N, C-alpha and C. Protein backbone atom coordinates (compact mmCIF):
# COMPACT_ATOMS: atom_id res chain seq x y z
N MET A 1 6.56 -1.35 9.86
CA MET A 1 7.07 -2.72 9.76
C MET A 1 6.09 -3.67 10.50
N LEU A 2 5.51 -3.23 11.64
CA LEU A 2 4.57 -4.16 12.42
C LEU A 2 3.27 -4.26 11.64
N GLY A 3 2.94 -3.41 10.72
CA GLY A 3 1.71 -3.48 9.95
C GLY A 3 1.94 -4.41 8.73
N PHE A 4 3.13 -4.66 8.50
CA PHE A 4 3.48 -5.49 7.28
C PHE A 4 3.85 -6.95 7.66
N ALA A 5 4.72 -7.11 8.64
CA ALA A 5 5.22 -8.42 9.03
C ALA A 5 4.24 -9.13 9.94
N LYS A 6 4.37 -10.46 9.89
CA LYS A 6 3.56 -11.27 10.83
C LYS A 6 4.05 -11.08 12.29
N GLU A 7 3.20 -11.27 13.25
CA GLU A 7 3.57 -11.21 14.65
C GLU A 7 4.64 -12.28 14.97
N GLY A 8 5.72 -11.87 15.52
CA GLY A 8 6.80 -12.74 15.86
C GLY A 8 7.87 -12.81 14.76
N HIS A 9 7.70 -12.07 13.63
CA HIS A 9 8.68 -12.01 12.64
C HIS A 9 9.56 -10.73 12.55
N VAL A 10 9.50 -9.95 13.62
CA VAL A 10 10.30 -8.74 13.63
C VAL A 10 11.31 -8.84 14.79
N VAL A 11 12.64 -8.75 14.40
CA VAL A 11 13.67 -8.71 15.44
C VAL A 11 14.44 -7.38 15.33
N PHE A 12 15.00 -6.98 16.44
CA PHE A 12 15.72 -5.74 16.49
C PHE A 12 17.17 -5.96 16.06
N GLY A 13 17.70 -5.07 15.26
CA GLY A 13 19.13 -5.02 14.92
C GLY A 13 19.54 -3.64 14.65
N SER A 14 20.64 -3.22 15.24
CA SER A 14 21.13 -1.78 15.08
C SER A 14 21.95 -1.55 13.89
N ASP A 15 22.58 -2.64 13.33
CA ASP A 15 23.50 -2.50 12.24
C ASP A 15 24.75 -1.74 12.62
N PHE A 16 25.02 -1.59 13.90
CA PHE A 16 26.20 -0.88 14.38
C PHE A 16 27.42 -1.75 14.11
N PRO A 17 28.50 -1.29 13.62
CA PRO A 17 28.94 0.11 13.48
C PRO A 17 28.68 0.64 12.09
N ASN A 18 27.99 -0.06 11.24
CA ASN A 18 27.83 0.32 9.82
C ASN A 18 26.86 1.45 9.66
N ALA A 19 25.76 1.52 10.46
CA ALA A 19 24.81 2.58 10.38
C ALA A 19 25.19 3.72 11.24
N PRO A 20 24.96 4.93 10.74
CA PRO A 20 25.35 6.17 11.53
C PRO A 20 24.54 6.11 12.84
N THR A 21 25.17 6.58 13.88
CA THR A 21 24.58 6.65 15.22
C THR A 21 23.28 7.39 15.24
N ASP A 22 23.14 8.49 14.55
CA ASP A 22 21.96 9.30 14.58
C ASP A 22 20.74 8.50 13.96
N CYS A 23 21.05 7.62 12.91
CA CYS A 23 20.07 6.79 12.33
C CYS A 23 19.57 5.75 13.35
N ILE A 24 20.47 5.14 14.04
CA ILE A 24 20.22 4.14 15.00
C ILE A 24 19.31 4.72 16.10
N GLU A 25 19.77 5.93 16.61
CA GLU A 25 18.93 6.53 17.63
C GLU A 25 17.56 6.98 17.14
N TYR A 26 17.34 7.28 15.95
CA TYR A 26 16.06 7.55 15.36
C TYR A 26 15.16 6.45 15.46
N PHE A 27 15.61 5.30 15.01
CA PHE A 27 14.82 4.09 14.99
C PHE A 27 14.55 3.53 16.37
N THR A 28 15.52 3.60 17.28
CA THR A 28 15.35 3.15 18.67
C THR A 28 14.39 3.99 19.38
N THR A 29 14.45 5.29 19.10
CA THR A 29 13.51 6.19 19.78
C THR A 29 12.04 6.00 19.33
N GLY A 30 11.89 5.70 18.03
CA GLY A 30 10.59 5.25 17.46
C GLY A 30 10.05 4.03 18.12
N LEU A 31 10.93 3.13 18.35
CA LEU A 31 10.52 1.90 19.02
C LEU A 31 10.06 2.11 20.44
N ASP A 32 10.91 2.99 21.17
CA ASP A 32 10.50 3.37 22.57
C ASP A 32 9.25 4.11 22.65
N GLU A 33 8.94 5.03 21.71
CA GLU A 33 7.78 5.88 21.78
C GLU A 33 6.51 5.29 21.20
N HIS A 34 6.61 4.32 20.31
CA HIS A 34 5.39 3.95 19.60
C HIS A 34 5.09 2.45 19.70
N VAL A 35 5.76 1.76 20.44
CA VAL A 35 5.50 0.26 20.54
C VAL A 35 5.34 -0.06 22.07
N VAL A 36 4.27 -0.77 22.36
CA VAL A 36 3.97 -1.18 23.77
C VAL A 36 5.05 -2.10 24.33
N GLU A 37 5.24 -2.05 25.58
CA GLU A 37 6.35 -2.71 26.21
C GLU A 37 6.42 -4.22 25.96
N GLU A 38 5.36 -4.88 25.92
CA GLU A 38 5.32 -6.39 25.66
C GLU A 38 5.83 -6.64 24.31
N THR A 39 5.34 -5.89 23.24
CA THR A 39 5.75 -6.01 21.89
C THR A 39 7.20 -5.69 21.74
N LYS A 40 7.65 -4.66 22.41
CA LYS A 40 9.13 -4.29 22.38
C LYS A 40 10.01 -5.36 22.88
N GLN A 41 9.62 -6.01 24.01
CA GLN A 41 10.35 -7.12 24.53
C GLN A 41 10.47 -8.26 23.49
N GLU A 42 9.35 -8.44 22.82
CA GLU A 42 9.39 -9.54 21.79
C GLU A 42 10.34 -9.24 20.62
N ILE A 43 10.20 -7.95 20.21
CA ILE A 43 11.09 -7.54 19.11
C ILE A 43 12.52 -7.57 19.49
N CYS A 44 12.81 -7.13 20.68
CA CYS A 44 14.27 -6.94 21.14
C CYS A 44 14.92 -8.25 21.64
N VAL A 45 14.05 -9.13 22.14
CA VAL A 45 14.67 -10.35 22.68
C VAL A 45 13.91 -11.63 22.34
N GLY A 46 12.52 -11.63 22.63
CA GLY A 46 11.82 -12.87 22.53
C GLY A 46 11.81 -13.47 21.13
N ASN A 47 11.66 -12.74 20.06
CA ASN A 47 11.59 -13.27 18.74
C ASN A 47 12.93 -13.87 18.35
N ALA A 48 14.04 -13.22 18.80
CA ALA A 48 15.35 -13.77 18.52
C ALA A 48 15.62 -15.04 19.21
N LEU A 49 15.15 -15.12 20.44
CA LEU A 49 15.25 -16.42 21.19
C LEU A 49 14.51 -17.55 20.57
N LYS A 50 13.38 -17.25 19.95
CA LYS A 50 12.59 -18.28 19.29
C LYS A 50 13.36 -18.69 17.97
N LEU A 51 13.93 -17.75 17.31
CA LEU A 51 14.71 -18.02 16.02
C LEU A 51 16.02 -18.66 16.37
N PHE A 52 16.76 -18.27 17.31
CA PHE A 52 17.97 -18.82 17.71
C PHE A 52 17.99 -19.35 19.15
N PRO A 53 17.43 -20.49 19.40
CA PRO A 53 17.19 -21.06 20.81
C PRO A 53 18.40 -21.18 21.62
N ARG A 54 19.62 -21.33 20.95
CA ARG A 54 20.83 -21.36 21.76
C ARG A 54 21.13 -20.08 22.54
N LEU A 55 20.61 -19.01 22.06
CA LEU A 55 20.76 -17.78 22.84
C LEU A 55 20.08 -17.82 24.19
N GLY A 56 19.09 -18.75 24.24
CA GLY A 56 18.34 -18.92 25.55
C GLY A 56 19.26 -19.45 26.63
N LYS A 57 20.38 -20.01 26.29
CA LYS A 57 21.32 -20.51 27.34
C LYS A 57 22.06 -19.40 28.00
N CYS A 58 21.89 -18.17 27.48
CA CYS A 58 22.41 -16.98 28.18
C CYS A 58 21.44 -16.60 29.31
N ASN A 59 21.91 -15.86 30.19
CA ASN A 59 20.98 -15.35 31.24
C ASN A 59 20.03 -14.43 30.56
N GLU A 60 18.74 -14.76 30.41
CA GLU A 60 17.84 -13.95 29.62
C GLU A 60 17.58 -12.62 30.31
N ALA A 61 17.64 -12.53 31.61
CA ALA A 61 17.48 -11.25 32.24
C ALA A 61 18.62 -10.24 31.81
N TRP A 62 19.80 -10.86 31.72
CA TRP A 62 20.92 -10.08 31.30
C TRP A 62 20.77 -9.60 29.87
N LEU A 63 20.27 -10.42 29.02
CA LEU A 63 20.10 -10.14 27.62
C LEU A 63 19.11 -9.16 27.46
N VAL A 64 17.95 -9.17 28.24
CA VAL A 64 16.89 -8.13 28.10
C VAL A 64 17.39 -6.79 28.62
N LYS A 65 18.20 -6.85 29.74
CA LYS A 65 18.75 -5.54 30.19
C LYS A 65 19.76 -4.90 29.21
N LEU A 66 20.47 -5.75 28.45
CA LEU A 66 21.47 -5.24 27.52
C LEU A 66 20.75 -4.66 26.33
N VAL A 67 19.74 -5.23 25.82
CA VAL A 67 19.05 -4.77 24.59
C VAL A 67 18.08 -3.72 24.93
N VAL A 68 17.25 -3.82 25.93
CA VAL A 68 16.18 -2.80 26.19
C VAL A 68 16.57 -1.90 27.32
N GLN A 69 17.31 -0.85 26.99
CA GLN A 69 17.78 0.13 28.03
C GLN A 69 17.16 1.43 27.74
């Protein structure tokens, strides 16, 4: 995905509860193992905040902790 999409155009979404848990775990493990921390932060939180600025009114530290565990 990162080789195809422009920087800043990838956001994380689990598709839970529609996607099977093992499928979600497969992709999140790949993200954890193959993406550097700064890029992972952008994928999991930063890019979404740029796309949906109102989310920035949330406590960003809480949002990062929620998404990147």
